[in-house]
Protein backbone atom coordinates (compact mmCIF):
# COMPACT_ATOMS: atom_id res chain seq x y z
CA UNK A 1 0.19 -0.02 0.12
CA UNK A 2 1.40 3.53 -1.04
CA UNK A 3 1.01 6.09 1.26
CA UNK A 4 1.82 9.42 0.03
CA UNK A 5 3.23 12.57 2.11
CA UNK A 6 0.06 14.31 1.91
CA UNK A 7 -1.96 11.93 2.95
CA UNK A 8 0.52 11.71 6.23
CA UNK A 9 0.29 15.59 6.84
CA UNK A 10 -3.47 14.92 6.59
CA UNK A 11 -4.09 12.06 8.89
CA UNK A 12 -1.58 13.80 11.47
CA UNK A 13 -3.76 17.02 11.27
CA UNK A 14 -6.84 15.51 11.44
CA UNK A 15 -5.61 13.73 14.83
CA UNK A 16 -4.29 16.84 16.42
CA UNK A 17 -7.47 18.97 15.24
CA UNK A 18 -9.97 16.14 17.10
CA UNK A 19 -8.32 15.93 19.97
CA UNK A 20 -8.08 19.97 20.28
CA UNK A 21 -12.14 19.72 19.53
CA UNK A 22 -12.36 16.90 22.20
CA UNK A 23 -10.38 19.03 24.62
CA UNK A 24 -12.23 22.62 23.75
CA UNK A 25 -15.73 20.55 24.28
CA UNK A 26 -14.41 18.95 27.87
CA UNK A 27 -13.11 22.51 28.65
CA UNK A 28 -16.70 23.91 27.96
CA UNK A 29 -18.73 21.71 29.78
CA UNK A 30 -16.25 21.94 32.70
CA UNK A 31 -16.74 25.66 32.75
CA UNK A 32 -20.45 25.33 32.50
CA UNK A 33 -20.74 22.38 34.73
CA UNK A 34 -23.21 20.71 32.24
CA UNK A 35 -22.66 17.59 30.28
CA UNK A 36 -24.85 18.61 27.55
CA UNK A 37 -24.00 22.09 26.61
CA UNK A 38 -25.57 21.75 22.62
CA UNK A 39 -28.09 19.29 21.61
CA UNK A 40 -25.35 17.40 19.60
CA UNK A 41 -23.40 16.50 22.88
CA UNK A 42 -26.60 14.21 23.60
CA UNK A 43 -29.52 14.58 21.11
CA UNK A 44 -31.56 12.30 23.57
CA UNK A 45 -30.92 13.77 26.75
CA UNK A 46 -31.45 17.33 25.09
CA UNK A 47 -34.52 16.19 24.14
CA UNK A 48 -35.70 14.74 27.40
CA UNK A 49 -34.15 17.89 28.95
CA UNK A 50 -36.68 20.20 27.07
CA UNK A 51 -39.90 18.27 27.99
CA UNK A 52 -38.58 18.32 31.76
CA UNK A 53 -37.95 21.96 31.38
CA UNK A 54 -41.44 22.55 30.15
CA UNK A 55 -43.09 20.68 32.70
CA UNK A 56 -40.82 22.41 35.21
CA UNK A 57 -41.84 26.23 34.14
CA UNK A 58 -45.57 25.20 33.76
CA UNK A 59 -45.38 23.74 37.38
CA UNK A 60 -43.15 26.99 38.36
CA UNK A 61 -46.28 29.19 37.07
CA UNK A 62 -48.70 27.26 38.90
CA UNK A 63 -46.66 27.76 42.22
CA UNK A 64 -46.56 31.45 41.32
CA UNK A 65 -50.73 31.58 41.03
CA UNK A 66 -50.90 29.72 44.54
CA UNK A 67 -48.78 32.02 46.16
CA UNK A 68 -51.06 34.89 44.47
CA UNK A 69 -53.96 33.34 45.45
CA UNK A 70 -53.04 32.61 48.71
CA UNK A 71 -52.11 36.18 48.97
CA UNK A 72 -55.54 37.38 47.97
CA UNK A 73 -57.49 35.06 50.27
CA UNK A 74 -55.17 36.20 53.18
CA UNK A 75 -56.49 39.74 52.30
CA UNK A 76 -60.31 38.52 52.66
CA UNK A 77 -59.99 36.11 55.32
CA UNK A 78 -58.34 38.97 57.75
CA UNK A 79 -61.37 41.33 56.12
CA UNK A 80 -63.91 39.37 57.25
CA UNK A 81 -62.01 38.33 60.78
CA UNK A 82 -62.24 41.82 61.56
CA UNK A 83 -65.85 41.90 60.47
CA UNK A 84 -66.42 39.33 62.86
CA UNK A 85 -65.06 41.18 65.44
CA UNK A 86 -67.44 44.33 64.83
CA UNK A 87 -70.66 42.07 64.90
CA UNK A 88 -69.45 40.64 67.61
CA UNK A 89 -69.52 43.78 69.58
CA UNK A 90 -72.53 44.89 67.78
CA UNK A 91 -74.69 41.64 69.15
CA UNK A 92 -73.28 42.64 72.86
CA UNK A 93 -74.40 46.47 72.67
CA UNK A 94 -77.49 45.13 71.12
CA UNK A 95 -78.28 42.73 73.81
CA UNK A 96 -77.63 45.57 76.34
CA UNK A 97 -79.70 47.84 74.30
CA UNK A 98 -82.74 45.07 75.00
CA UNK A 99 -82.04 45.45 78.89
CA UNK A 100 -86.01 46.99 79.75
CA UNK A 101 -84.40 49.05 82.69
CA UNK A 102 -82.78 51.43 80.57
CA UNK A 103 -83.91 54.70 79.70
CA UNK A 104 -84.33 56.57 76.14
CA UNK A 105 -81.02 58.28 76.71
CA UNK A 106 -79.00 55.39 77.20
CA UNK A 107 -80.82 53.55 74.03
CA UNK A 108 -79.77 56.63 72.08
CA UNK A 109 -75.85 56.53 73.63
CA UNK A 110 -75.99 52.76 72.59
CA UNK A 111 -77.31 53.85 68.86
CA UNK A 112 -74.48 56.52 68.79
CA UNK A 113 -71.69 53.85 68.91
CA UNK A 114 -73.66 51.63 66.79
CA UNK A 115 -73.60 54.37 64.25
CA UNK A 116 -69.70 54.42 64.34
CA UNK A 117 -69.73 50.74 63.75
CA UNK A 118 -71.58 51.10 61.00
CA UNK A 119 -69.41 53.33 59.33
CA UNK A 120 -66.41 50.80 60.23
CA UNK A 121 -68.35 48.15 58.56
CA UNK A 122 -68.85 50.23 55.59
CA UNK A 123 -65.03 51.10 55.29
CA UNK A 124 -64.31 47.21 56.05
CA UNK A 125 -66.83 46.37 52.81
CA UNK A 126 -64.91 49.06 50.75
CA UNK A 127 -61.36 47.31 51.46
CA UNK A 128 -58.81 47.35 48.95
CA UNK A 129 -55.87 44.81 48.59
CA UNK A 130 -52.05 45.70 47.70
CA UNK A 131 -52.79 46.52 44.39
CA UNK A 132 -55.97 49.13 45.16
CA UNK A 133 -58.34 46.57 43.83
CA UNK A 134 -61.79 46.24 45.78
CA UNK A 135 -61.74 42.68 46.97
CA UNK A 136 -65.94 42.59 47.62
CA UNK A 137 -66.55 44.51 43.85
CA UNK A 138 -66.67 40.95 42.11
CA UNK A 139 -65.40 41.71 38.74
CA UNK A 140 -65.26 45.70 39.02
CA UNK A 141 -62.03 45.96 41.00
CA UNK A 142 -61.80 49.55 40.64
CA UNK A 143 -64.94 50.53 41.56
CA UNK A 144 -65.76 51.39 45.18
CA UNK A 145 -68.78 48.47 46.02
CA UNK A 146 -70.63 50.11 48.88
CA UNK A 147 -72.12 53.57 49.34
CA UNK A 148 -74.82 55.17 51.27
CA UNK A 149 -77.99 55.08 49.26
CA UNK A 150 -79.80 58.41 50.87
CA UNK A 151 -83.39 56.22 51.12
CA UNK A 152 -85.82 56.34 53.79
CA UNK A 153 -86.58 53.80 56.77
CA UNK A 154 -87.43 51.32 57.09
CA UNK A 155 -84.65 49.45 54.84
CA UNK A 156 -84.73 46.30 53.04
CA UNK A 157 -83.18 44.69 49.90
CA UNK A 158 -85.86 46.82 47.70
CA UNK A 159 -84.93 50.12 49.80
CA UNK A 160 -81.39 49.58 51.03
CA UNK A 161 -79.60 52.12 53.64
CA UNK A 162 -76.30 50.75 51.51
CA UNK A 163 -76.08 50.27 47.78
CA UNK A 164 -73.68 47.68 46.65
CA UNK A 165 -72.14 48.81 43.19
CA UNK A 166 -70.17 45.82 42.22
CA UNK A 167 -71.02 42.78 40.20
CA UNK A 168 -71.59 38.91 41.03
CA UNK A 169 -67.94 37.80 39.33
CA UNK A 170 -65.79 35.72 41.63
CA UNK A 171 -62.08 35.96 40.40
CA UNK A 172 -60.48 32.68 39.92
CA UNK A 173 -56.83 31.84 39.30
CA UNK A 174 -55.47 28.68 37.78
CA UNK A 175 -53.78 26.81 40.75
CA UNK A 176 -53.30 23.60 39.20
CA UNK A 177 -53.56 21.89 35.69
CA UNK A 178 -57.12 20.96 36.62
CA UNK A 179 -58.16 23.35 38.83
CA UNK A 180 -58.95 27.28 39.31
CA UNK A 181 -59.80 28.62 42.17
CA UNK A 182 -62.19 31.09 43.46
CA UNK A 183 -59.38 33.80 45.45
CA UNK A 184 -62.27 36.86 46.04
CA UNK A 185 -66.11 36.80 47.73
CA UNK A 186 -68.74 39.01 46.14
CA UNK A 187 -69.98 42.08 48.34
CA UNK A 188 -73.73 40.70 47.85
CA UNK A 189 -72.91 37.46 48.97
CA UNK A 190 -71.15 38.73 52.26
CA UNK A 191 -73.07 41.63 53.25
CA UNK A 192 -76.48 41.79 51.32
CA UNK A 193 -77.39 38.47 50.62
CA UNK A 194 -78.02 37.39 54.17
CA UNK A 195 -78.59 33.91 55.32
CA UNK A 196 -79.69 32.33 58.36
CA UNK A 197 -78.60 28.99 60.00
CA UNK A 198 -81.18 27.37 57.85
CA UNK A 199 -79.99 29.00 54.68
CA UNK A 200 -83.10 31.15 54.28
CA UNK A 201 -82.62 34.78 53.11
CA UNK A 202 -83.57 37.29 55.82
CA UNK A 203 -84.28 39.68 53.05
CA UNK A 204 -82.14 42.44 54.80
CA UNK A 205 -78.70 43.47 53.81
CA UNK A 206 -76.15 43.61 56.95
CA UNK A 207 -76.54 47.15 56.69
CA UNK A 208 -80.07 47.43 56.70
CA UNK A 209 -80.21 45.29 59.70
CA UNK A 210 -77.91 47.36 61.89
CA UNK A 211 -79.26 51.04 60.50
CA UNK A 212 -82.84 49.77 61.22
CA UNK A 213 -81.87 48.60 65.02
CA UNK A 214 -79.96 52.19 65.19
CA UNK A 215 -83.36 53.91 64.13
CA UNK A 216 -85.20 51.46 66.49
CA UNK A 217 -83.31 52.59 69.37
CA UNK A 218 -83.28 56.43 68.53
CA UNK A 219 -86.80 56.56 68.82
CA UNK A 220 -88.91 56.39 72.02
CA UNK A 221 -90.27 52.69 72.14
CA UNK A 222 -93.86 51.89 71.66
CA UNK A 223 -95.86 48.96 71.29
CA UNK A 224 -94.46 47.52 68.27
CA UNK A 225 -90.52 48.81 69.11
CA UNK A 226 -89.91 45.51 71.31
CA UNK A 227 -90.72 43.21 68.24
CA UNK A 228 -88.74 45.37 65.41
CA UNK A 229 -85.86 45.23 68.13
CA UNK A 230 -86.09 41.49 68.37
CA UNK A 231 -86.33 41.46 64.45
CA UNK A 232 -83.16 43.50 63.58
CA UNK A 233 -81.25 41.44 66.71
CA UNK A 234 -82.54 37.80 64.79
CA UNK A 235 -80.84 39.53 61.67
CA UNK A 236 -77.84 40.71 63.09
CA UNK A 237 -77.40 37.01 64.44
CA UNK A 238 -78.12 35.79 61.05
CA UNK A 239 -75.23 38.36 59.46
CA UNK A 240 -72.88 37.06 61.84
CA UNK A 241 -73.71 33.65 60.73
CA UNK A 242 -73.56 34.66 56.99
CA UNK A 243 -69.86 35.88 57.62
CA UNK A 244 -68.56 32.73 59.68
CA UNK A 245 -69.93 30.46 56.70
CA UNK A 246 -68.11 33.03 53.97
CA UNK A 247 -65.38 32.73 56.03
CA UNK A 248 -64.82 29.21 56.65
CA UNK A 249 -64.93 28.66 52.88
CA UNK A 250 -61.93 30.85 52.55
CA UNK A 251 -60.17 29.22 55.44
CA UNK A 252 -61.19 25.90 53.28
CA UNK A 253 -59.35 27.10 50.12
CA UNK A 254 -56.31 28.54 52.17
CA UNK A 255 -55.74 24.51 53.19
CA UNK A 256 -56.37 23.65 49.67
CA UNK A 257 -53.80 26.12 48.80
CA UNK A 258 -51.29 24.66 51.39
CA UNK A 259 -51.42 21.03 49.84
CA UNK A 260 -51.45 22.09 46.27
CA UNK A 261 -48.15 23.80 47.11
CA UNK A 262 -46.37 21.13 49.16
CA UNK A 263 -47.02 19.03 46.08
CA UNK A 264 -45.70 21.78 43.40
CA UNK A 265 -42.78 21.98 45.74
CA UNK A 266 -41.84 17.92 45.45
CA UNK A 267 -42.37 18.35 41.61
CA UNK A 268 -39.99 21.32 41.85
CA UNK A 269 -37.46 18.84 43.29
CA UNK A 270 -38.26 15.88 40.96
CA UNK A 271 -38.09 18.17 37.98
CA UNK A 272 -34.63 19.62 39.02
CA UNK A 273 -33.32 15.92 40.02
CA UNK A 274 -34.20 14.63 36.65
CA UNK A 275 -32.65 17.61 35.06
CA UNK A 276 -29.60 17.24 36.76
CA UNK A 277 -29.30 13.81 35.96
CA UNK A 278 -30.05 14.68 32.29
CA UNK A 279 -27.82 17.39 32.12
CA UNK A 280 -24.92 17.83 34.97
CA UNK A 281 -21.30 17.10 34.43
CA UNK A 282 -19.83 14.39 36.56
CA UNK A 283 -16.53 16.39 37.37
CA UNK A 284 -14.22 13.13 38.57
CA UNK A 285 -14.85 11.84 35.15
CA UNK A 286 -14.55 14.96 33.07
CA UNK A 287 -11.23 15.67 34.87
CA UNK A 288 -9.75 12.05 33.84
CA UNK A 289 -11.16 12.60 30.30
CA UNK A 290 -9.48 15.68 30.04
CA UNK A 291 -6.45 14.45 31.33
CA UNK A 292 -6.26 11.48 29.17
CA UNK A 293 -7.05 14.09 25.94
CA UNK A 294 -4.09 16.27 26.79
CA UNK A 295 -2.09 13.10 26.66
CA UNK A 296 -3.31 12.37 23.01
CA UNK A 297 -2.85 15.21 21.85
CA UNK A 298 0.85 15.86 23.03
CA UNK A 299 1.07 12.29 21.79
CA UNK A 300 0.02 13.21 18.66
CA UNK A 301 1.80 16.11 18.17
CA UNK A 302 5.25 14.71 18.90
CA UNK A 303 4.57 11.70 16.49
CA UNK A 304 3.67 14.00 13.87
CA UNK A 305 6.69 16.46 14.45
CA UNK A 306 8.86 13.40 13.98
CA UNK A 307 7.15 11.94 10.97
CA UNK A 308 6.72 15.12 9.12
CA UNK A 309 10.38 15.33 9.24
CA UNK A 310 11.32 12.03 7.36
CA UNK A 311 12.57 12.49 3.79
CA UNK A 312 14.18 10.60 1.41
CA UNK A 313 16.77 12.83 0.64
CA UNK A 314 17.90 12.15 4.10
CA UNK A 315 19.58 9.01 3.08
CA UNK A 316 20.67 9.59 -0.21
């Protein structure tokens, strides 16, 4: 077999360039810490890593949505908690007002305190979150949901003391692939459509019940005053029950979010572990390969240098 000088030079150059290329690849892998830097390094692993990364990003988005949902529901829950405290104080003062030994002046003093409580309840109903959105306005988050109507007593849902200007929309967030979770409560459900323990509508809003009681206490009591007082007291108890029911629903959703977040964090760890197995570099193996390739390159360079100097003219 005849081997030309050109072939010797070509093969020698190719061997040196191939070893240099492998050294560059190993150096690049060690500098990035990844075994698969380019898809050509391991096409199968690169394709699998792409699928895992997409799943990881989707899971990360669900985790962000869960955090947002938790934040919004915590605002609702804390507001309902403050509202519960107001209603409990109102009921205590209402019980005191029913004492037959009280005079008209004392009842009017209680009515004055309850007027302040009413204003506090309206302020709670118009609570805004950290983004400046009204939490009880439905989809109308930029519209203040409650305003004093200016109507005349007696008050009920057809003649309200405080009007609701929001809508019936309940905002939701996608917290899992197959689950949307409500992250708000409508003002109509919390403050307007009050249900008693049996689930029946009372026909008066929370504000109407309190305003009717205030009007009752500010008016000298007559034959029908006690019946009106008892009706207002019953309505306010139903208001407290209604708030407790809504708050329990919010608490259930917060508890569900904790479970979903735990699952999401476990998935995140699994995806990171899988990606590490597909992409991360084994440094011990890489250092060993680098040393071997360096020796191969030095040997190729040395042999090429010697062979390239061989010439027939040296022995003539």
